[in-house]
Amino acid sequence: MTRLQTASKQHPMKTVTAGTLATGILIFGSMVVLGQELPSAHPAKLAPFTETLPGSVVKIQMIPIPAGTVKIGTQSVKVKPFWMASIETPWEAFDQFIASGPPSPPYDQTKFAADAIARPSKSYILPDLGWGHHGYPAINLSFDSVTMFCRWLSATTKKKYRLPTEAEWEFACWAGASGTWKLGKDQLDKSAWYVANSGQMTHPVGMKLPNRYGLYDMLGNVGEWALDLSNKPVVCGGTFQDSPTEISPGTRRRWTPKWQEEDPQLPKSRWWLSNAPFAGFRLVCEP
């Protein structure tokens, strides 16, 4: 697998506020740097719930995330309360979407209306790359694919499912902590799949320790599609391919032609990214 170029956005000092949490760095249940223990985060008002995908027994736990403020670059961004999936979207969830209707033609370049729902075309390669399917994060997914999944789930459940904004994603990743981001090897191994422990492949979701909000794999395994402050697609977070310095809430990737360089189709698939096994997603639901 070709190692793709990563653009990391470093945040030597980060401020994230949520209620009256104390200052410190929270790394999936452990405090490092600054040394002050945070009380449990209490995302008030919203209650957790479990979504059962239509026509299936596949369930996704939705976790309430409180309102707060996060700094993205030089901007302080307010975040309203929302729900976020406790895990990265697994293949068995994405499979339900694919099976819910006919696939798109392989070379289709239709400009879809904002409320249109289309399914991905059939992939010419094994989508999970033979690494594992049930319980593993869905990968090699384009922004169009994951957007359509959210539209489908919204339409069938009558809830407001979508991708997170960049600010929501980073706020949830920090989980009420502030300070200088730093992970010791012990904390890193307990909280993330990264280059030193992944074997250069993805792993089943939810196998590492969750963060204070109860979110698994926010720091590793796959990167997660979001919308940046300019409403453009961006993949947030470190991945199974990344070094310890890239396992950070500030790591970002943006699409380049390298993500599809082995795709023989002309035009390239709008649904599948042949060289982006790090590209997955996580659901958000609006109140």
Protein backbone atom coordinates (compact mmCIF):
# COMPACT_ATOMS: atom_id res chain seq x y z
CA MET A 1 0.00 0.00 0.00
CA THR A 2 1.39 3.38 -1.00
CA ARG A 3 1.86 5.76 1.90
CA LEU A 4 -0.05 8.95 1.15
CA GLN A 5 1.03 12.45 1.96
CA THR A 6 -0.43 13.83 5.18
CA ALA A 7 -0.98 17.45 6.07
CA SER A 8 -0.88 17.89 9.84
CA LYS A 9 -2.12 21.00 11.52
CA GLN A 10 -0.21 21.45 14.76
CA HIS A 11 -1.82 23.06 17.81
CA PRO A 12 0.92 23.66 20.38
CA MET A 13 -1.66 25.28 22.66
CA LYS A 14 -5.33 24.34 22.50
CA THR A 15 -8.28 25.68 24.42
CA VAL A 16 -11.45 23.64 24.59
CA THR A 17 -14.19 24.55 27.00
CA ALA A 18 -17.21 22.54 28.06
CA GLY A 19 -18.98 23.48 31.26
CA THR A 20 -16.54 23.82 34.16
CA LEU A 21 -13.98 21.17 33.25
CA ALA A 22 -10.53 21.62 34.77
CA THR A 23 -7.43 22.21 32.69
CA GLY A 24 -5.48 19.17 31.54
CA ILE A 25 -4.87 16.78 28.71
CA LEU A 26 -7.27 13.87 28.56
CA ILE A 27 -6.12 10.94 26.49
CA PHE A 28 -8.79 8.24 26.41
CA GLY A 29 -9.24 7.93 30.14
CA SER A 30 -5.72 8.98 31.17
CA MET A 31 -4.29 12.38 31.95
CA VAL A 32 -0.91 13.35 30.54
CA VAL A 33 0.91 16.69 30.77
CA LEU A 34 -0.25 19.37 33.19
CA GLY A 35 -1.22 16.54 35.52
CA GLN A 36 -4.63 17.71 36.73
CA GLU A 37 -7.46 15.18 36.73
CA LEU A 38 -10.61 16.15 34.88
CA PRO A 39 -13.99 15.36 36.41
CA SER A 40 -16.25 13.19 34.29
CA ALA A 41 -17.71 15.01 31.31
CA HIS A 42 -21.48 15.36 31.66
CA PRO A 43 -23.13 16.15 28.33
CA ALA A 44 -26.28 17.52 29.94
CA LYS A 45 -29.80 17.59 28.46
CA LEU A 46 -29.28 15.26 25.52
CA ALA A 47 -29.57 11.58 26.39
CA PRO A 48 -27.72 8.76 24.62
CA PHE A 49 -29.73 6.58 22.27
CA THR A 50 -29.21 3.56 20.04
CA GLU A 51 -30.09 3.70 16.37
CA THR A 52 -31.12 0.45 14.71
CA LEU A 53 -30.51 0.70 10.99
CA PRO A 54 -33.63 0.19 8.90
CA GLY A 55 -34.47 -3.41 8.06
CA SER A 56 -31.57 -4.82 10.05
CA VAL A 57 -30.24 -5.71 13.48
CA VAL A 58 -27.28 -3.35 13.07
CA LYS A 59 -27.14 -0.88 15.94
CA ILE A 60 -25.09 2.28 16.44
CA GLN A 61 -24.86 3.97 19.80
CA MET A 62 -25.21 7.75 19.65
CA ILE A 63 -23.42 9.71 22.37
CA PRO A 64 -24.46 13.22 23.50
CA ILE A 65 -21.74 15.85 23.14
CA PRO A 66 -22.19 19.12 25.09
CA ALA A 67 -21.98 22.66 23.81
CA GLY A 68 -18.62 24.39 24.02
CA THR A 69 -15.90 26.25 22.16
CA VAL A 70 -12.91 24.95 20.23
CA LYS A 71 -10.09 26.80 18.52
CA ILE A 72 -9.50 25.89 14.88
CA GLY A 73 -6.39 27.67 13.67
CA THR A 74 -6.87 31.23 14.84
CA GLN A 75 -10.65 31.02 15.09
CA SER A 76 -12.63 30.23 18.21
CA VAL A 77 -15.67 28.25 17.08
CA LYS A 78 -18.78 27.66 19.17
CA VAL A 79 -20.24 24.17 19.06
CA LYS A 80 -23.88 23.43 19.85
CA PRO A 81 -24.91 20.16 21.56
CA PHE A 82 -25.16 17.17 19.21
CA TRP A 83 -24.97 13.40 19.14
CA MET A 84 -21.97 11.55 17.73
CA ALA A 85 -21.64 7.83 17.00
CA SER A 86 -19.52 6.05 19.58
CA ILE A 87 -17.69 4.18 16.80
CA GLU A 88 -16.51 4.67 13.25
CA THR A 89 -19.17 3.44 10.82
CA PRO A 90 -18.60 -0.31 10.33
CA TRP A 91 -19.05 -2.25 7.12
CA GLU A 92 -22.23 -3.95 8.29
CA ALA A 93 -23.88 -0.52 8.56
CA PHE A 94 -22.63 0.62 5.16
CA ASP A 95 -23.73 -2.70 3.66
CA GLN A 96 -27.32 -1.93 4.66
CA PHE A 97 -27.15 1.29 2.68
CA ILE A 98 -25.69 -0.42 -0.38
CA ALA A 99 -28.40 -3.11 -0.25
CA SER A 100 -31.22 -0.57 0.11
CA GLY A 101 -31.45 0.17 -3.61
CA PRO A 102 -29.83 -0.28 -7.01
CA PRO A 103 -26.18 0.70 -7.47
CA SER A 104 -25.20 3.72 -9.52
CA PRO A 105 -23.70 3.16 -13.00
CA PRO A 106 -19.89 2.83 -12.85
CA TYR A 107 -19.13 6.07 -14.70
CA ASP A 108 -22.09 8.13 -13.54
CA GLN A 109 -21.33 11.83 -13.01
CA THR A 110 -24.85 13.04 -12.27
CA LYS A 111 -25.14 16.32 -10.41
CA PHE A 112 -27.49 15.31 -7.63
CA ALA A 113 -30.02 17.57 -5.99
CA ALA A 114 -29.44 18.36 -2.31
CA ASP A 115 -32.08 15.85 -1.23
CA ALA A 116 -31.26 13.12 -3.76
CA ILE A 117 -30.15 9.68 -2.58
CA ALA A 118 -27.93 7.44 -4.70
CA ARG A 119 -25.97 4.31 -3.86
CA PRO A 120 -22.34 3.71 -4.81
CA SER A 121 -21.50 1.83 -7.95
CA LYS A 122 -20.10 -1.66 -7.54
CA SER A 123 -16.46 -1.53 -6.53
CA TYR A 124 -14.02 -3.19 -8.92
CA ILE A 125 -11.81 -4.18 -5.97
CA LEU A 126 -12.70 -5.90 -2.72
CA PRO A 127 -13.76 -2.83 -0.69
CA ASP A 128 -12.45 -4.12 2.64
CA LEU A 129 -9.16 -5.22 1.01
CA GLY A 130 -9.51 -8.60 2.73
CA TRP A 131 -8.55 -7.08 6.10
CA GLY A 132 -11.88 -7.91 7.71
CA HIS A 133 -15.51 -6.96 7.28
CA HIS A 134 -17.96 -7.40 10.14
CA GLY A 135 -16.99 -4.97 12.89
CA TYR A 136 -14.32 -3.27 10.80
CA PRO A 137 -14.58 0.36 9.72
CA ALA A 138 -15.85 0.98 6.20
CA ILE A 139 -12.94 2.32 4.14
CA ASN A 140 -11.91 3.62 0.72
CA LEU A 141 -15.04 5.79 0.79
CA SER A 142 -15.38 9.07 -1.07
CA PHE A 143 -17.08 12.13 0.32
CA ASP A 144 -20.02 11.50 -2.04
CA SER A 145 -20.46 7.97 -0.67
CA VAL A 146 -20.56 8.96 2.98
CA THR A 147 -22.79 11.97 2.27
CA MET A 148 -25.32 9.73 0.54
CA PHE A 149 -25.23 7.32 3.47
CA CYS A 150 -26.18 10.18 5.79
CA ARG A 151 -29.01 11.28 3.50
CA TRP A 152 -30.34 7.72 3.32
CA LEU A 153 -30.26 7.27 7.09
CA SER A 154 -31.91 10.65 7.65
CA ALA A 155 -34.69 9.84 5.20
CA THR A 156 -35.40 6.41 6.66
CA THR A 157 -35.20 7.35 10.35
CA LYS A 158 -36.64 10.90 10.10
CA LYS A 159 -33.68 12.15 12.14
CA LYS A 160 -31.04 14.69 11.07
CA TYR A 161 -27.97 12.55 10.40
CA ARG A 162 -24.94 14.10 8.73
CA LEU A 163 -21.16 14.31 8.84
CA PRO A 164 -19.59 16.35 11.64
CA THR A 165 -18.18 19.77 11.08
CA GLU A 166 -14.45 20.07 11.58
CA ALA A 167 -15.12 22.01 14.79
CA GLU A 168 -17.54 19.40 16.13
CA TRP A 169 -15.11 16.61 15.35
CA GLU A 170 -12.14 18.29 17.01
CA PHE A 171 -14.19 19.38 20.02
CA ALA A 172 -15.38 15.78 20.51
CA CYS A 173 -11.84 14.46 20.08
CA TRP A 174 -10.45 16.71 22.82
CA ALA A 175 -13.38 15.69 25.08
CA GLY A 176 -13.11 18.64 27.43
CA ALA A 177 -9.33 18.91 27.71
CA SER A 178 -6.93 21.78 27.02
CA GLY A 179 -3.18 22.35 26.93
CA THR A 180 -0.35 20.91 24.87
CA TRP A 181 -1.17 17.71 23.02
CA LYS A 182 1.25 14.96 23.94
CA LEU A 183 0.91 11.20 24.08
CA GLY A 184 3.32 8.82 25.76
CA LYS A 185 3.78 5.45 24.08
CA ASP A 186 1.74 3.67 26.74
CA GLN A 187 -1.24 6.00 26.30
CA LEU A 188 -0.88 5.85 22.53
CA ASP A 189 -0.91 2.05 22.43
CA LYS A 190 -3.97 1.92 24.66
CA SER A 191 -5.96 4.52 22.74
CA ALA A 192 -5.09 4.25 19.04
CA TRP A 193 -4.21 2.00 16.12
CA TYR A 194 -1.22 3.65 14.46
CA VAL A 195 1.82 2.65 12.42
CA ALA A 196 3.64 0.89 15.28
CA ASN A 197 0.80 -1.42 16.32
CA SER A 198 -1.59 -1.66 13.36
CA GLY A 199 0.33 -3.99 11.06
CA GLN A 200 -0.53 -1.47 8.30
CA MET A 201 -4.21 -2.36 8.29
CA THR A 202 -7.44 -1.36 10.00
CA HIS A 203 -8.82 -3.16 13.05
CA PRO A 204 -12.31 -3.76 14.46
CA VAL A 205 -13.90 -0.63 15.87
CA GLY A 206 -14.10 -0.07 19.61
CA MET A 207 -11.11 -2.22 20.62
CA LYS A 208 -9.08 0.59 22.18
CA LEU A 209 -10.01 2.78 25.15
CA PRO A 210 -12.67 5.44 24.55
CA ASN A 211 -12.21 9.10 25.38
CA ARG A 212 -14.02 10.90 28.18
CA TYR A 213 -17.15 11.31 26.07
CA GLY A 214 -17.25 7.59 25.30
CA LEU A 215 -16.00 7.85 21.70
CA TYR A 216 -13.76 5.09 20.36
CA ASP A 217 -10.98 5.38 17.75
CA MET A 218 -11.01 9.17 17.51
CA LEU A 219 -7.21 9.18 17.31
CA GLY A 220 -6.40 6.25 15.03
CA ASN A 221 -7.68 3.36 12.90
CA VAL A 222 -9.24 5.45 10.08
CA GLY A 223 -9.50 9.15 9.42
CA GLU A 224 -13.04 10.53 9.37
CA TRP A 225 -14.75 12.73 6.80
CA ALA A 226 -15.98 16.12 8.01
CA LEU A 227 -16.73 19.60 6.65
CA ASP A 228 -14.19 22.32 7.36
CA LEU A 229 -14.89 25.94 8.29
CA SER A 230 -15.34 26.73 4.58
CA ASN A 231 -17.79 23.83 4.19
CA LYS A 232 -15.27 21.82 2.17
CA PRO A 233 -14.58 18.09 2.68
CA VAL A 234 -11.68 17.17 4.94
CA VAL A 235 -10.57 13.94 6.62
CA CYS A 236 -9.87 14.49 10.32
CA GLY A 237 -7.60 12.62 12.70
CA GLY A 238 -4.70 10.20 12.62
CA THR A 239 -4.91 6.75 11.04
CA PHE A 240 -3.44 3.26 11.20
CA GLN A 241 -0.71 4.44 8.80
CA ASP A 242 0.47 7.37 10.90
CA SER A 243 3.42 8.08 13.17
CA PRO A 244 2.89 9.15 16.81
CA THR A 245 3.27 12.84 15.90
CA GLU A 246 0.36 12.54 13.47
CA ILE A 247 -1.97 10.95 16.03
CA SER A 248 -3.50 14.28 16.95
CA PRO A 249 -6.87 16.10 16.91
CA GLY A 250 -5.26 18.59 14.51
CA THR A 251 -4.27 16.14 11.76
CA ARG A 252 -6.05 16.77 8.45
CA ARG A 253 -6.06 15.22 4.98
CA ARG A 254 -7.58 16.60 1.81
CA TRP A 255 -8.30 14.70 -1.38
CA THR A 256 -5.51 14.50 -3.95
CA PRO A 257 -5.31 12.45 -7.18
CA LYS A 258 -3.03 10.01 -5.32
CA TRP A 259 -6.10 8.78 -3.45
CA GLN A 260 -7.29 7.22 -6.73
CA GLU A 261 -4.09 6.65 -8.70
CA GLU A 262 -4.74 2.91 -9.13
CA ASP A 263 -8.36 3.36 -10.21
CA PRO A 264 -8.44 2.28 -13.89
CA GLN A 265 -11.78 3.95 -14.58
CA LEU A 266 -12.06 7.10 -16.71
CA PRO A 267 -13.48 9.19 -15.24
CA LYS A 268 -12.37 8.00 -11.82
CA SER A 269 -15.02 6.63 -9.50
CA ARG A 270 -16.96 9.25 -7.58
CA TRP A 271 -17.79 6.63 -4.92
CA TRP A 272 -14.62 4.68 -4.14
CA LEU A 273 -11.06 5.78 -3.38
CA SER A 274 -8.77 2.98 -4.51
CA ASN A 275 -5.74 4.31 -2.62
CA ALA A 276 -7.35 5.76 0.48
CA PRO A 277 -7.84 2.85 2.90
CA PHE A 278 -7.57 5.43 5.69
CA ALA A 279 -10.80 7.24 4.64
CA GLY A 280 -13.82 6.34 6.77
CA PHE A 281 -16.50 8.27 8.63
CA ARG A 282 -18.49 8.70 11.82
CA LEU A 283 -22.10 9.83 12.13
CA VAL A 284 -23.43 12.95 13.80
CA CYS A 285 -27.11 13.56 14.60
CA GLU A 286 -28.62 16.98 15.25
CA PRO A 287 -31.12 17.45 18.10
